[in-house]
Amino acid sequence: MDTSIEICEGDWSALGEAASAIRRLVFIEEQRVPQEEEWDGRDPECRHFLALHDNLPLGTARLLPDAHIGRVAVLAQARGLGIGAALMRAAIEAARRDGHARVELAAQTHALAFYEHLGFVAFGDEFLDAGIPHRNMCLDLDA
């Protein structure tokens, strides 16, 4: 990963503006996720992560109180730089600090290998979320 990538952690009031812009581009515009599905009302209760390079926001993720990681998004021009992995490591470490024994997520099926590389294991059947195929995945934190 580029060592000039900084991961910021904070609440929605601190990081929401930048996180919203990234999620709008990636999920709503690029992947055609309906706005009403993307903006689920849960952001204020989540811990948010923002990847910055030269103070430019390039990626985001969120951690729900129940240790589900979601809304992992990296701008197209920044993919392949290790930003997604850095965001995931930050969210996993935050869940570990909070005392959770495991984290879960719903992965778009095209990203299964990315999450498997981080130690996640898929479980259950494939399902559609916003018209996109997903699988549930988990990572035990006490391992």
Protein backbone atom coordinates (compact mmCIF):
# COMPACT_ATOMS: atom_id res chain seq x y z
CA MET A 1 0.00 0.00 0.00
CA ASP A 2 1.08 3.55 -0.65
CA THR A 3 2.37 4.84 2.69
CA SER A 4 0.86 8.25 1.99
CA ILE A 5 -2.65 6.80 2.45
CA GLU A 6 -4.15 7.89 5.76
CA ILE A 7 -7.17 6.16 7.33
CA CYS A 8 -9.34 8.45 9.46
CA GLU A 9 -11.87 7.04 11.91
CA GLY A 10 -14.85 8.98 13.18
CA ASP A 11 -18.57 9.44 13.39
CA TRP A 12 -21.00 10.50 10.68
CA SER A 13 -20.90 14.16 11.66
CA ALA A 14 -17.12 14.21 11.12
CA LEU A 15 -16.76 11.99 8.05
CA GLY A 16 -20.23 11.84 6.53
CA GLU A 17 -19.84 14.53 3.90
CA ALA A 18 -16.78 12.91 2.29
CA ALA A 19 -18.12 9.36 2.79
CA SER A 20 -21.43 10.33 1.19
CA ALA A 21 -19.71 11.72 -1.89
CA ILE A 22 -17.70 8.51 -2.39
CA ARG A 23 -20.69 6.24 -1.82
CA ARG A 24 -22.82 8.31 -4.20
CA LEU A 25 -20.24 7.91 -6.98
CA VAL A 26 -19.50 4.22 -6.39
CA PHE A 27 -22.86 2.79 -5.40
CA ILE A 28 -25.52 5.10 -6.81
CA GLU A 29 -23.87 6.30 -10.02
CA GLU A 30 -21.48 3.46 -10.93
CA GLN A 31 -23.41 0.44 -9.61
CA ARG A 32 -26.91 1.91 -9.98
CA VAL A 33 -27.97 1.18 -6.39
CA PRO A 34 -31.24 3.03 -5.70
CA GLN A 35 -30.73 6.03 -3.41
CA GLU A 36 -33.36 4.80 -0.96
CA GLU A 37 -31.42 1.56 -0.50
CA GLU A 38 -28.04 3.26 -0.12
CA TRP A 39 -29.23 5.78 2.45
CA ASP A 40 -30.63 3.33 5.00
CA GLY A 41 -30.67 5.71 7.97
CA ARG A 42 -28.06 3.73 9.91
CA ASP A 43 -25.04 5.98 9.30
CA PRO A 44 -25.40 8.03 12.52
CA GLU A 45 -25.06 4.86 14.63
CA CYS A 46 -21.95 3.62 12.78
CA ARG A 47 -18.23 4.22 13.08
CA HIS A 48 -16.89 5.46 9.74
CA PHE A 49 -13.53 5.13 8.05
CA LEU A 50 -12.18 7.40 5.34
CA ALA A 51 -9.06 6.82 3.23
CA LEU A 52 -7.21 9.99 2.30
CA HIS A 53 -4.30 10.61 -0.07
CA ASP A 54 -2.95 14.17 -0.01
CA ASN A 55 -6.16 15.12 1.87
CA LEU A 56 -8.25 13.78 -1.03
CA PRO A 57 -10.92 11.26 0.09
CA LEU A 58 -10.59 8.08 -2.00
CA GLY A 59 -12.44 5.38 -0.06
CA THR A 60 -14.79 4.72 2.82
CA ALA A 61 -16.28 1.95 4.98
CA ARG A 62 -18.51 1.74 8.03
CA LEU A 63 -18.74 -0.48 11.10
CA LEU A 64 -22.18 -1.04 12.60
CA PRO A 65 -22.56 -1.50 16.37
CA ASP A 66 -23.16 -5.25 15.87
CA ALA A 67 -19.75 -5.62 14.12
CA HIS A 68 -21.06 -5.75 10.57
CA ILE A 69 -18.76 -3.99 8.12
CA GLY A 70 -20.44 -2.36 5.16
CA ARG A 71 -20.50 0.32 2.52
CA VAL A 72 -16.88 -0.40 1.57
CA ALA A 73 -16.26 1.81 -1.46
CA VAL A 74 -13.14 2.99 -3.28
CA LEU A 75 -13.24 5.51 -6.12
CA ALA A 76 -12.50 3.92 -9.50
CA GLN A 77 -9.28 5.86 -10.06
CA ALA A 78 -7.89 4.67 -6.71
CA ARG A 79 -8.62 0.92 -6.99
CA GLY A 80 -5.71 -1.46 -6.82
CA LEU A 81 -3.70 0.74 -4.45
CA GLY A 82 -4.50 -1.20 -1.28
CA ILE A 83 -7.07 1.29 -0.04
CA GLY A 84 -9.86 -1.26 0.38
CA ALA A 85 -7.59 -3.55 2.40
CA ALA A 86 -6.45 -0.65 4.59
CA LEU A 87 -10.07 0.35 5.24
CA MET A 88 -10.96 -3.24 6.11
CA ARG A 89 -8.00 -3.63 8.48
CA ALA A 90 -9.05 -0.42 10.26
CA ALA A 91 -12.67 -1.60 10.63
CA ILE A 92 -11.58 -5.07 11.81
CA GLU A 93 -9.24 -3.56 14.38
CA ALA A 94 -11.99 -1.22 15.63
CA ALA A 95 -14.33 -4.20 16.09
CA ARG A 96 -11.58 -6.05 17.95
CA ARG A 97 -11.03 -3.01 20.24
CA ASP A 98 -14.78 -2.98 20.91
CA GLY A 99 -14.53 -6.57 22.15
CA HIS A 100 -16.31 -8.32 19.28
CA ALA A 101 -15.37 -11.96 18.69
CA ARG A 102 -16.17 -11.80 14.97
CA VAL A 103 -17.10 -9.43 12.17
CA GLU A 104 -19.50 -10.08 9.32
CA LEU A 105 -20.28 -8.48 6.00
CA ALA A 106 -22.34 -9.01 2.88
CA ALA A 107 -19.88 -9.11 -0.02
CA GLN A 108 -20.67 -8.48 -3.64
CA THR A 109 -19.77 -11.80 -5.26
CA HIS A 110 -17.18 -10.23 -7.57
CA ALA A 111 -15.28 -9.17 -4.40
CA LEU A 112 -15.30 -12.55 -2.61
CA ALA A 113 -11.61 -13.19 -3.33
CA PHE A 114 -10.67 -9.77 -1.93
CA TYR A 115 -12.38 -10.56 1.39
CA GLU A 116 -11.10 -14.16 1.44
CA HIS A 117 -7.55 -12.76 1.15
CA LEU A 118 -8.28 -10.85 4.39
CA GLY A 119 -9.36 -14.10 6.09
CA PHE A 120 -13.13 -13.91 5.64
CA VAL A 121 -15.11 -17.10 4.97
CA ALA A 122 -18.34 -17.13 2.94
CA PHE A 123 -21.44 -18.78 4.38
CA GLY A 124 -25.03 -19.24 3.29
CA ASP A 125 -26.53 -18.92 -0.15
CA GLU A 126 -26.01 -16.17 -2.69
CA PHE A 127 -28.67 -13.43 -2.51
CA LEU A 128 -29.50 -10.21 -4.29
CA ASP A 129 -29.11 -6.84 -2.56
CA ALA A 130 -29.99 -3.79 -4.68
CA GLY A 131 -30.04 -6.20 -7.64
CA ILE A 132 -26.38 -7.18 -7.06
CA PRO A 133 -25.38 -10.78 -6.13
CA HIS A 134 -23.93 -11.02 -2.60
CA ARG A 135 -22.73 -13.66 -0.11
CA ASN A 136 -22.49 -13.30 3.65
CA MET A 137 -18.98 -13.62 5.05
CA CYS A 138 -17.45 -13.73 8.53
CA LEU A 139 -14.06 -13.41 10.18
CA ASP A 140 -13.35 -14.73 13.67
CA LEU A 141 -11.29 -12.18 15.59
CA ASP A 142 -10.03 -14.48 18.32
CA ALA A 143 -8.09 -16.61 15.82
